[in-house]
C-alpha cells in the first residue's frame, strides 16, 4: 500500500535530526511507481524529497544513489555547470529503505521532444561532457564500479550470449551484435566517469532569455561509475531531432581523446536494452516478459535488416546514419523509461496532452502494459517507440540532418535558423512547464 505524504514526512525527522516539517505533498514526478515518495517542506523553507524502496531492487538503487551523491564532494560539484541533489540522510520505514535528498527545481523534456538547435540539445551535450570530465578519483575513492574498455566489452559479450541462449533472438541480431563485439575498432575508448545510463528526463532545465532552455540540474546518479562514455548517449536513439546537436555539443565540450566509434556503441547499447529485457524475463521465469521482448527484437531485426554496424564503422558514416537505422524500427518497439524522482516539475501522465502529441494517437500501448506489471532491473537505455509509421525511412532515403527544423520555416523569410530553433525550444519548454508549488 502506498504511504501517505504525511507518513513519509514523519520519516524525514528521523533522517534529519532537528528537522521541523511544516508541509508535505505528493511528488508529482512519481516515475513508474516503484517508490513511495513525497516532497517535504521544512520551516527554514527548504524542500526535500523522500523516497522509500520496499523491495531488493529499489533498495539497492537508493543505496547506490546515496553512495553516489556523497561521492560528489564540493570540489567535484564545483566542476559541474549544473546542480546535483544534495544528500540529506537515510532511515528505515517499516521494511523499506528511505533516502532523503534535496529537491531540485527545473523542467524535464521527454527524449522524442527535445528540439534541435541552440538551447536544450546543446546544453545537454555540454552537461554530459562535464560529467565525463570528472576525475576518476570521484568514483574510485567511493568504491564505485569501475570498468575498463575490455571489461565493458566482455559484459556486452556475456549479455549477447545469455540472450541468444534463450532461443528468442532473431539470428541476424545475434550475428550483428557478435560482430560488433568482435570489432576491435569499436572498443578502443578511454573509460570515463559516467552516470551509468542517463535519460533525457535526468536533465532539469530553466529558460535563459538569451540562450534558451539550459540544464540547471541533473538527477539519476545511482549508476555513477567508471566505464564506457557511450552509455550516457544511448538515449539519443529516441531523440532523432536533437541527436546531432547533442553529439556535436558533447564533442566540442569534451577534452577527451576523440572517439570515432562513440555514436555506434551508443546505438548498440540502445539496441541491447531489448536483449536485457529478454534476459530479465528469462531470469524471472516470466513468459509474458519474454514474449514481449521477443516481439520487440523481431521488430528491431526487421527495422535493421539492411544495416551493419561494422560496415558503417568502416565507411566512417556519422551520427545521422546510425540514427537513420534506428529510425526504421517499427513503433511497437517500446521500452520503459524511468522519469526523474528528485524534481517536482510535472506529472508524467499530463506531460503531453493527447491533442498536442501527434505521435500518441498511433502508439501501441500493449507492450508497455506488459512491462509495467513487472519490475525492471536497472534503467533502460533508450526508448525506440516514438516513431510514426509515416516516419519509417526506406533504405535509400537520405539520412536526417542535424540542422534545426522549425514548423514556421515556410513563412519566416530571412530568419536565422538558429534563432528560430531557440524560439521553438523556448515555446516547447513553456508547454512542458507545470507548477512545482502545488
Protein backbone atom coordinates (compact mmCIF):
# COMPACT_ATOMS: atom_id res chain seq x y z
CA UNK A 1 0.00 0.00 0.00
CA UNK A 2 1.28 3.47 -0.91
CA UNK A 3 2.27 5.55 2.09
CA UNK A 4 0.75 9.00 2.51
CA UNK A 5 2.93 12.12 2.22
CA UNK A 6 2.39 12.75 5.91
CA UNK A 7 3.72 9.32 6.86
CA UNK A 8 6.76 9.96 4.71
CA UNK A 9 7.18 13.44 6.19
CA UNK A 10 7.39 11.95 9.67
CA UNK A 11 10.26 9.75 8.49
CA UNK A 12 12.23 12.83 7.39
CA UNK A 13 12.67 13.84 11.01
CA UNK A 14 14.40 10.51 11.62
CA UNK A 15 16.75 11.04 8.67
CA UNK A 16 17.48 14.68 9.52
CA UNK A 17 17.89 15.40 13.21
CA UNK A 18 16.12 18.55 14.33
CA UNK A 19 14.13 18.96 11.14
CA UNK A 20 10.93 20.94 11.60
CA UNK A 21 8.43 19.81 8.98
CA UNK A 22 5.73 22.33 8.07
CA UNK A 23 4.25 20.74 4.96
CA UNK A 24 4.12 17.68 2.75
CA UNK A 25 2.72 16.89 -0.66
CA UNK A 26 2.79 14.13 -3.22
CA UNK A 27 5.80 14.09 -5.51
CA UNK A 28 4.07 14.61 -8.83
CA UNK A 29 7.04 13.33 -10.84
CA UNK A 30 6.40 9.90 -9.40
CA UNK A 31 8.11 7.97 -12.17
CA UNK A 32 6.96 4.41 -12.69
CA UNK A 33 5.59 3.98 -9.20
CA UNK A 34 8.45 1.86 -7.90
CA UNK A 35 8.94 4.17 -4.91
CA UNK A 36 6.71 5.72 -2.30
CA UNK A 37 7.76 9.36 -2.45
CA UNK A 38 6.84 12.83 -1.26
CA UNK A 39 8.05 16.43 -1.13
CA UNK A 40 8.52 17.74 2.41
CA UNK A 41 8.78 21.42 3.29
CA UNK A 42 10.84 22.49 6.30
CA UNK A 43 10.41 25.54 8.48
CA UNK A 44 13.55 27.12 7.00
CA UNK A 45 12.00 26.99 3.54
CA UNK A 46 13.96 24.05 2.20
CA UNK A 47 12.13 21.40 0.20
CA UNK A 48 13.32 17.81 0.40
CA UNK A 49 12.40 14.61 -1.40
CA UNK A 50 11.93 11.34 0.44
CA UNK A 51 11.75 8.05 -1.43
CA UNK A 52 11.18 4.61 0.05
CA UNK A 53 12.08 1.35 -1.64
CA UNK A 54 10.38 -1.77 -0.29
CA UNK A 55 11.96 -4.49 -2.45
CA UNK A 56 15.52 -5.52 -3.11
CA UNK A 57 15.83 -3.73 -6.45
CA UNK A 58 14.57 -0.35 -5.27
CA UNK A 59 16.51 -0.60 -2.02
CA UNK A 60 19.70 -1.27 -3.98
CA UNK A 61 19.00 1.69 -6.24
CA UNK A 62 18.53 4.01 -3.28
CA UNK A 63 21.70 2.69 -1.66
CA UNK A 64 23.62 3.34 -4.88
CA UNK A 65 22.12 6.83 -5.16
CA UNK A 66 23.13 7.59 -1.58
CA UNK A 67 26.70 6.50 -2.19
CA UNK A 68 26.96 8.40 -5.47
CA UNK A 69 25.65 11.69 -4.10
CA UNK A 70 28.06 11.50 -1.18
CA UNK A 71 30.90 10.79 -3.62
CA UNK A 72 30.24 14.17 -5.23
CA UNK A 73 32.42 16.29 -2.99
CA UNK A 74 32.32 20.07 -3.02
CA UNK A 75 35.30 20.04 -5.36
CA UNK A 76 33.62 17.66 -7.80
CA UNK A 77 30.37 19.63 -7.74
CA UNK A 78 32.30 22.83 -8.48
CA UNK A 79 33.46 21.25 -11.75
CA UNK A 80 29.88 20.74 -12.96
CA UNK A 81 27.94 23.50 -14.76
CA UNK A 82 24.71 22.35 -13.10
CA UNK A 83 23.48 21.20 -9.69
CA UNK A 84 23.24 17.67 -8.39
CA UNK A 85 20.93 16.86 -5.46
CA UNK A 86 22.47 17.14 -2.02
CA UNK A 87 22.39 14.04 0.14
CA UNK A 88 20.41 14.77 3.32
CA UNK A 89 20.08 11.49 5.17
CA UNK A 90 18.67 7.96 5.35
CA UNK A 91 16.41 5.96 7.61
CA UNK A 92 14.23 2.85 7.69
CA UNK A 93 10.47 2.95 7.29
CA UNK A 94 8.90 -0.40 8.21
CA UNK A 95 10.82 -2.81 5.99
CA UNK A 96 11.76 -0.18 3.45
CA UNK A 97 14.90 1.87 2.92
CA UNK A 98 14.26 5.63 2.85
CA UNK A 99 16.54 8.20 1.24
CA UNK A 100 16.14 11.95 1.72
CA UNK A 101 17.67 14.35 -0.79
CA UNK A 102 17.37 17.96 -1.84
CA UNK A 103 14.53 18.82 -4.23
CA UNK A 104 15.92 20.41 -7.38
CA UNK A 105 13.77 22.83 -9.36
CA UNK A 106 13.55 22.58 -13.11
CA UNK A 107 11.63 21.24 -16.07
CA UNK A 108 12.06 17.93 -17.84
CA UNK A 109 11.76 17.05 -21.53
CA UNK A 110 10.94 13.64 -22.97
CA UNK A 111 13.60 12.42 -25.40
CA UNK A 112 11.43 12.48 -28.50
CA UNK A 113 10.54 16.11 -27.88
CA UNK A 114 13.99 17.58 -27.29
CA UNK A 115 14.24 20.21 -30.04
CA UNK A 116 17.23 20.62 -32.29
CA UNK A 117 19.42 23.70 -32.36
CA UNK A 118 20.57 26.07 -29.67
CA UNK A 119 19.27 25.67 -26.17
CA UNK A 120 18.28 22.31 -24.71
CA UNK A 121 20.18 19.99 -27.08
CA UNK A 122 23.48 21.83 -26.88
CA UNK A 123 23.21 22.27 -23.12
CA UNK A 124 22.58 18.53 -22.69
CA UNK A 125 25.67 17.64 -24.72
CA UNK A 126 27.80 20.07 -22.73
CA UNK A 127 26.45 18.70 -19.44
CA UNK A 128 27.22 15.09 -20.33
CA UNK A 129 30.75 16.11 -21.32
CA UNK A 130 31.17 17.80 -17.93
CA UNK A 131 30.25 14.59 -16.09
CA UNK A 132 32.68 12.62 -18.23
CA UNK A 133 35.42 15.14 -17.42
CA UNK A 134 35.22 14.46 -13.67
CA UNK A 135 38.38 12.84 -12.29
CA UNK A 136 38.30 9.07 -11.93
CA UNK A 137 39.11 9.51 -8.24
CA UNK A 138 35.48 10.59 -7.67
CA UNK A 139 34.42 7.04 -8.45
CA UNK A 140 37.42 5.13 -7.15
CA UNK A 141 37.58 6.85 -3.76
CA UNK A 142 33.93 5.96 -3.12
CA UNK A 143 34.43 2.33 -4.06
CA UNK A 144 32.01 2.60 -7.01
CA UNK A 145 32.14 0.28 -10.01
CA UNK A 146 34.97 0.81 -12.49
CA UNK A 147 35.22 -0.97 -15.83
CA UNK A 148 37.93 -0.86 -18.44
CA UNK A 149 37.08 -0.93 -22.13
CA UNK A 150 37.79 -4.66 -22.24
CA UNK A 151 35.62 -5.32 -19.19
CA UNK A 152 32.77 -3.33 -20.71
CA UNK A 153 33.18 -5.30 -23.90
CA UNK A 154 33.10 -8.59 -22.03
CA UNK A 155 29.89 -7.59 -20.24
CA UNK A 156 28.24 -6.97 -23.61
CA UNK A 157 29.56 -10.30 -24.92
CA UNK A 158 28.01 -12.13 -21.97
CA UNK A 159 24.70 -10.31 -22.40
CA UNK A 160 24.53 -11.26 -26.09
CA UNK A 161 25.32 -14.89 -25.26
CA UNK A 162 22.69 -15.03 -22.49
CA UNK A 163 20.06 -13.52 -24.75
CA UNK A 164 20.94 -15.84 -27.63
CA UNK A 165 20.74 -18.85 -25.32
CA UNK A 166 17.02 -18.21 -24.81
CA UNK A 167 16.42 -19.04 -28.46
CA UNK A 168 14.23 -15.93 -28.83
CA UNK A 169 16.69 -13.57 -30.54
CA UNK A 170 16.49 -13.32 -34.35
CA UNK A 171 19.61 -14.80 -35.91
CA UNK A 172 20.51 -11.59 -37.74
CA UNK A 173 20.61 -9.68 -34.45
CA UNK A 174 22.79 -12.28 -32.77
CA UNK A 175 25.22 -12.15 -35.70
CA UNK A 176 25.11 -8.35 -35.78
CA UNK A 177 25.83 -7.97 -32.10
CA UNK A 178 28.57 -10.59 -32.03
CA UNK A 179 30.27 -8.95 -34.98
CA UNK A 180 30.11 -5.63 -33.15
CA UNK A 181 31.61 -7.16 -30.00
CA UNK A 182 34.39 -8.70 -32.09
CA UNK A 183 35.18 -5.43 -33.88
CA UNK A 184 38.26 -4.11 -32.06
CA UNK A 185 37.77 -0.63 -33.52
CA UNK A 186 34.51 -0.20 -31.63
CA UNK A 187 36.15 -0.82 -28.26
CA UNK A 188 39.14 1.50 -28.34
CA UNK A 189 37.94 4.02 -25.80
CA UNK A 190 39.14 5.62 -22.59
CA UNK A 191 36.93 4.91 -19.58
CA UNK A 192 35.21 7.96 -18.11
CA UNK A 193 33.10 8.87 -15.12
CA UNK A 194 29.55 8.24 -16.30
CA UNK A 195 26.04 8.41 -14.92
CA UNK A 196 25.65 4.80 -16.00
CA UNK A 197 22.80 5.39 -18.41
CA UNK A 198 21.44 8.91 -18.34
CA UNK A 199 17.94 9.56 -19.72
CA UNK A 200 16.57 12.78 -21.20
CA UNK A 201 14.47 13.17 -18.05
CA UNK A 202 17.63 13.16 -15.95
CA UNK A 203 18.15 16.77 -17.06
CA UNK A 204 16.36 19.67 -15.38
CA UNK A 205 16.00 22.90 -17.34
CA UNK A 206 15.46 26.58 -16.77
CA UNK A 207 14.83 29.11 -19.52
CA UNK A 208 17.61 31.60 -20.23
CA UNK A 209 16.47 34.77 -22.01
CA UNK A 210 19.44 34.73 -24.36
CA UNK A 211 20.48 31.07 -24.63
CA UNK A 212 17.14 29.31 -24.42
CA UNK A 213 16.49 26.25 -22.22
CA UNK A 214 19.62 25.41 -20.23
CA UNK A 215 20.42 22.43 -18.00
CA UNK A 216 20.43 23.62 -14.39
CA UNK A 217 20.31 20.26 -12.62
CA UNK A 218 20.89 16.55 -13.19
CA UNK A 219 19.26 13.69 -11.28
CA UNK A 220 19.53 9.88 -11.50
CA UNK A 221 23.02 9.40 -10.04
CA UNK A 222 22.57 5.81 -8.86
CA UNK A 223 24.55 4.47 -11.83
CA UNK A 224 27.62 6.64 -11.20
CA UNK A 225 30.64 4.59 -12.24
CA UNK A 226 33.75 4.48 -14.39
CA UNK A 227 33.13 2.95 -17.78
CA UNK A 228 32.05 3.43 -21.39
CA UNK A 229 31.00 7.05 -22.07
CA UNK A 230 28.63 5.75 -24.76
CA UNK A 231 26.24 4.56 -22.04
CA UNK A 232 25.22 8.18 -21.36
CA UNK A 233 24.49 8.85 -25.03
CA UNK A 234 22.44 5.75 -25.84
CA UNK A 235 19.17 7.58 -25.06
CA UNK A 236 19.72 9.66 -28.19
CA UNK A 237 18.31 6.80 -30.25
CA UNK A 238 14.90 8.21 -29.34
CA UNK A 239 15.83 11.89 -29.74
CA UNK A 240 16.02 11.93 -33.50
CA UNK A 241 15.62 15.70 -33.89
CA UNK A 242 18.23 16.69 -31.33
CA UNK A 243 20.76 13.83 -31.51
CA UNK A 244 23.11 15.53 -33.94
CA UNK A 245 23.29 18.71 -31.90
CA UNK A 246 23.75 16.85 -28.61
CA UNK A 247 26.62 14.84 -30.09
CA UNK A 248 28.19 17.94 -31.64
CA UNK A 249 27.99 19.91 -28.39
CA UNK A 250 29.40 16.95 -26.47
CA UNK A 251 32.35 16.64 -28.86
CA UNK A 252 33.05 20.37 -28.72
CA UNK A 253 32.95 20.50 -24.92
CA UNK A 254 34.89 17.29 -24.33
CA UNK A 255 38.60 17.43 -23.59
CA UNK A 256 38.96 13.69 -24.06
CA UNK A 257 40.66 11.84 -26.92
CA UNK A 258 38.20 11.78 -29.86
CA UNK A 259 36.27 8.51 -30.02
CA UNK A 260 35.09 7.84 -33.57
CA UNK A 261 33.01 4.85 -32.52
CA UNK A 262 31.18 6.59 -29.68
CA UNK A 263 27.88 7.03 -31.53
CA UNK A 264 27.98 3.46 -32.84
CA UNK A 265 28.49 1.95 -29.39
CA UNK A 266 25.71 4.18 -28.06
CA UNK A 267 23.37 2.77 -30.69
CA UNK A 268 24.49 -0.78 -29.92
CA UNK A 269 23.75 -0.23 -26.23
CA UNK A 270 20.31 1.11 -27.11
CA UNK A 271 19.51 -2.00 -29.14
CA UNK A 272 20.75 -4.26 -26.38
CA UNK A 273 18.13 -2.91 -23.97
CA UNK A 274 15.72 -5.27 -25.72
CA UNK A 275 18.12 -8.12 -25.00
CA UNK A 276 18.30 -7.06 -21.35
CA UNK A 277 14.51 -7.14 -21.16
CA UNK A 278 14.52 -10.67 -22.60
CA UNK A 279 17.21 -11.88 -20.19
CA UNK A 280 15.30 -10.30 -17.30
CA UNK A 281 12.15 -12.18 -18.29
CA UNK A 282 14.09 -15.41 -18.57
CA UNK A 283 15.63 -14.94 -15.12
CA UNK A 284 12.20 -14.19 -13.64
CA UNK A 285 10.59 -17.12 -15.48
CA UNK A 286 8.06 -14.68 -16.91
CA UNK A 287 6.83 -15.88 -20.28
CA UNK A 288 4.85 -12.66 -20.77
CA UNK A 289 8.00 -10.57 -20.48
CA UNK A 290 9.90 -12.92 -22.77
CA UNK A 291 7.11 -12.80 -25.36
CA UNK A 292 7.08 -9.02 -25.17
CA UNK A 293 10.87 -8.83 -25.55
CA UNK A 294 10.84 -11.31 -28.42
CA UNK A 295 8.30 -9.16 -30.26
CA UNK A 296 10.46 -6.09 -29.75
CA UNK A 297 13.51 -7.95 -31.02
CA UNK A 298 11.65 -9.12 -34.14
CA UNK A 299 10.62 -5.53 -34.81
CA UNK A 300 14.18 -4.35 -34.25
CA UNK A 301 15.57 -7.02 -36.56
CA UNK A 302 13.14 -6.05 -39.31
CA UNK A 303 13.96 -2.36 -38.94
CA UNK A 304 17.70 -3.04 -39.08
CA UNK A 305 17.57 -5.58 -41.91
CA UNK A 306 19.97 -3.68 -44.17
CA UNK A 307 22.18 -2.10 -41.56
CA UNK A 308 25.59 -3.30 -40.38
CA UNK A 309 27.45 -1.68 -37.50
CA UNK A 310 30.86 -2.82 -38.70
CA UNK A 311 30.22 -1.65 -42.27
CA UNK A 312 29.17 1.77 -41.01
CA UNK A 313 32.27 1.91 -38.83
CA UNK A 314 34.49 1.05 -41.77
CA UNK A 315 33.00 3.71 -44.00
CA UNK A 316 33.01 6.36 -41.32
CA UNK A 317 29.33 7.30 -41.54
CA UNK A 318 28.31 9.66 -38.77
CA UNK A 319 25.60 10.03 -36.18
CA UNK A 320 22.86 10.63 -38.74
CA UNK A 321 23.41 7.26 -40.41
CA UNK A 322 23.22 5.49 -37.08
CA UNK A 323 20.01 7.27 -36.16
CA UNK A 324 18.59 6.61 -39.61
CA UNK A 325 18.91 2.88 -38.92
CA UNK A 326 17.14 3.19 -35.57
CA UNK A 327 14.52 5.41 -37.16
CA UNK A 328 13.30 2.44 -39.19
CA UNK A 329 12.37 0.44 -36.09
CA UNK A 330 8.57 -0.07 -36.01
CA UNK A 331 6.64 1.94 -33.44
CA UNK A 332 5.77 -1.15 -31.38
CA UNK A 333 9.39 -1.41 -30.21
CA UNK A 334 8.97 0.38 -26.89
CA UNK A 335 10.96 0.23 -23.69
CA UNK A 336 10.08 1.71 -20.35
CA UNK A 337 11.75 4.93 -19.28
CA UNK A 338 12.06 5.96 -15.64
CA UNK A 339 11.28 9.61 -15.04
CA UNK A 340 13.17 11.74 -12.56
CA UNK A 341 12.47 11.18 -8.89
CA UNK A 342 14.14 14.28 -7.45
CA UNK A 343 12.16 17.07 -9.03
CA UNK A 344 8.54 18.06 -8.78
CA UNK A 345 8.28 19.71 -12.15
CA UNK A 346 5.45 17.79 -13.81
CA UNK A 347 3.09 14.88 -13.75
CA UNK A 348 4.32 12.42 -16.41
CA UNK A 349 0.75 11.49 -17.35
CA UNK A 350 -0.07 15.14 -18.06
CA UNK A 351 3.19 15.99 -19.77
CA UNK A 352 1.88 15.99 -23.33
CA UNK A 353 -1.91 16.29 -23.80
CA UNK A 354 -3.20 13.93 -26.45
CA UNK A 355 -4.22 16.63 -28.91
CA UNK A 356 -0.77 18.20 -28.72
CA UNK A 357 1.06 14.93 -29.25
CA UNK A 358 0.56 13.65 -32.79
CA UNK A 359 2.59 10.56 -32.01
CA UNK A 360 0.44 9.40 -29.13
CA UNK A 361 -2.60 8.61 -31.24
CA UNK A 362 -0.98 5.76 -33.09
CA UNK A 363 1.08 4.34 -30.30
CA UNK A 364 0.70 0.71 -29.33
CA UNK A 365 0.47 0.50 -25.54
CA UNK A 366 0.06 -3.25 -25.24
CA UNK A 367 3.76 -3.98 -24.95
CA UNK A 368 4.33 -1.25 -22.40
CA UNK A 369 1.45 -2.58 -20.34
CA UNK A 370 3.05 -5.99 -20.10
CA UNK A 371 6.28 -4.49 -18.83
CA UNK A 372 4.52 -2.33 -16.25
CA UNK A 373 3.39 -5.48 -14.47
CA UNK A 374 6.94 -6.48 -13.62
CA UNK A 375 9.98 -4.89 -12.08
CA UNK A 376 12.72 -3.76 -14.46
CA UNK A 377 16.29 -4.29 -13.29
CA UNK A 378 18.29 -1.15 -13.95
CA UNK A 379 17.45 1.90 -16.02
CA UNK A 380 16.60 1.21 -19.66
CA UNK A 381 18.96 2.92 -22.07
CA UNK A 382 16.66 4.05 -24.83
CA UNK A 383 13.05 4.36 -25.98
CA UNK A 384 12.74 3.50 -29.66
CA UNK A 385 8.96 3.80 -29.79
CA UNK A 386 8.43 7.46 -30.55
CA UNK A 387 8.23 6.88 -34.32
CA UNK A 388 5.19 7.09 -36.55
CA UNK A 389 4.88 4.58 -39.41
CA UNK A 390 4.95 7.51 -41.81
CA UNK A 391 8.39 8.37 -40.47
CA UNK A 392 9.97 4.99 -41.24
CA UNK A 393 12.66 5.60 -43.81
CA UNK A 394 13.41 3.33 -46.78
CA UNK A 395 16.98 2.21 -47.18
CA UNK A 396 17.73 4.74 -49.91
CA UNK A 397 16.21 7.68 -48.03
CA UNK A 398 18.61 10.50 -47.20
CA UNK A 399 19.84 10.50 -43.62
CA UNK A 400 18.33 13.16 -41.35
CA UNK A 401 20.42 16.25 -40.91
CA UNK A 402 21.24 17.95 -37.67
CA UNK A 403 20.09 21.34 -38.98
CA UNK A 404 17.33 22.91 -36.88
CA UNK A 405 13.87 22.17 -38.23
CA UNK A 406 11.08 24.60 -37.40
CA UNK A 407 7.38 24.45 -38.11
CA UNK A 408 7.49 28.14 -39.08
CA UNK A 409 10.31 27.85 -41.65
CA UNK A 410 7.89 28.22 -44.54
CA UNK A 411 6.86 31.74 -43.51
CA UNK A 412 9.98 33.13 -41.85
CA UNK A 413 11.79 34.76 -44.75
CA UNK A 414 15.39 35.51 -43.88
CA UNK A 415 15.09 34.32 -40.29
CA UNK A 416 18.19 32.88 -38.67
CA UNK A 417 17.52 29.11 -38.35
CA UNK A 418 19.42 29.00 -35.05
CA UNK A 419 17.27 31.81 -33.64
CA UNK A 420 14.12 30.08 -34.86
CA UNK A 421 15.21 26.82 -33.23
CA UNK A 422 15.92 28.60 -29.97
CA UNK A 423 12.47 30.22 -30.01
CA UNK A 424 10.86 26.86 -30.77
CA UNK A 425 12.73 25.29 -27.88
CA UNK A 426 11.58 28.03 -25.51
CA UNK A 427 7.98 27.68 -26.68
CA UNK A 428 8.14 23.93 -26.21
CA UNK A 429 9.58 24.36 -22.74
CA UNK A 430 6.69 26.59 -21.80
CA UNK A 431 4.30 23.82 -22.91
CA UNK A 432 6.10 21.30 -20.72
CA UNK A 433 6.22 23.56 -17.68
CA UNK A 434 3.91 22.99 -14.73
CA UNK A 435 3.98 24.45 -11.25
CA UNK A 436 6.18 22.83 -8.63
CA UNK A 437 4.43 24.50 -5.73
CA UNK A 438 1.12 22.66 -5.75
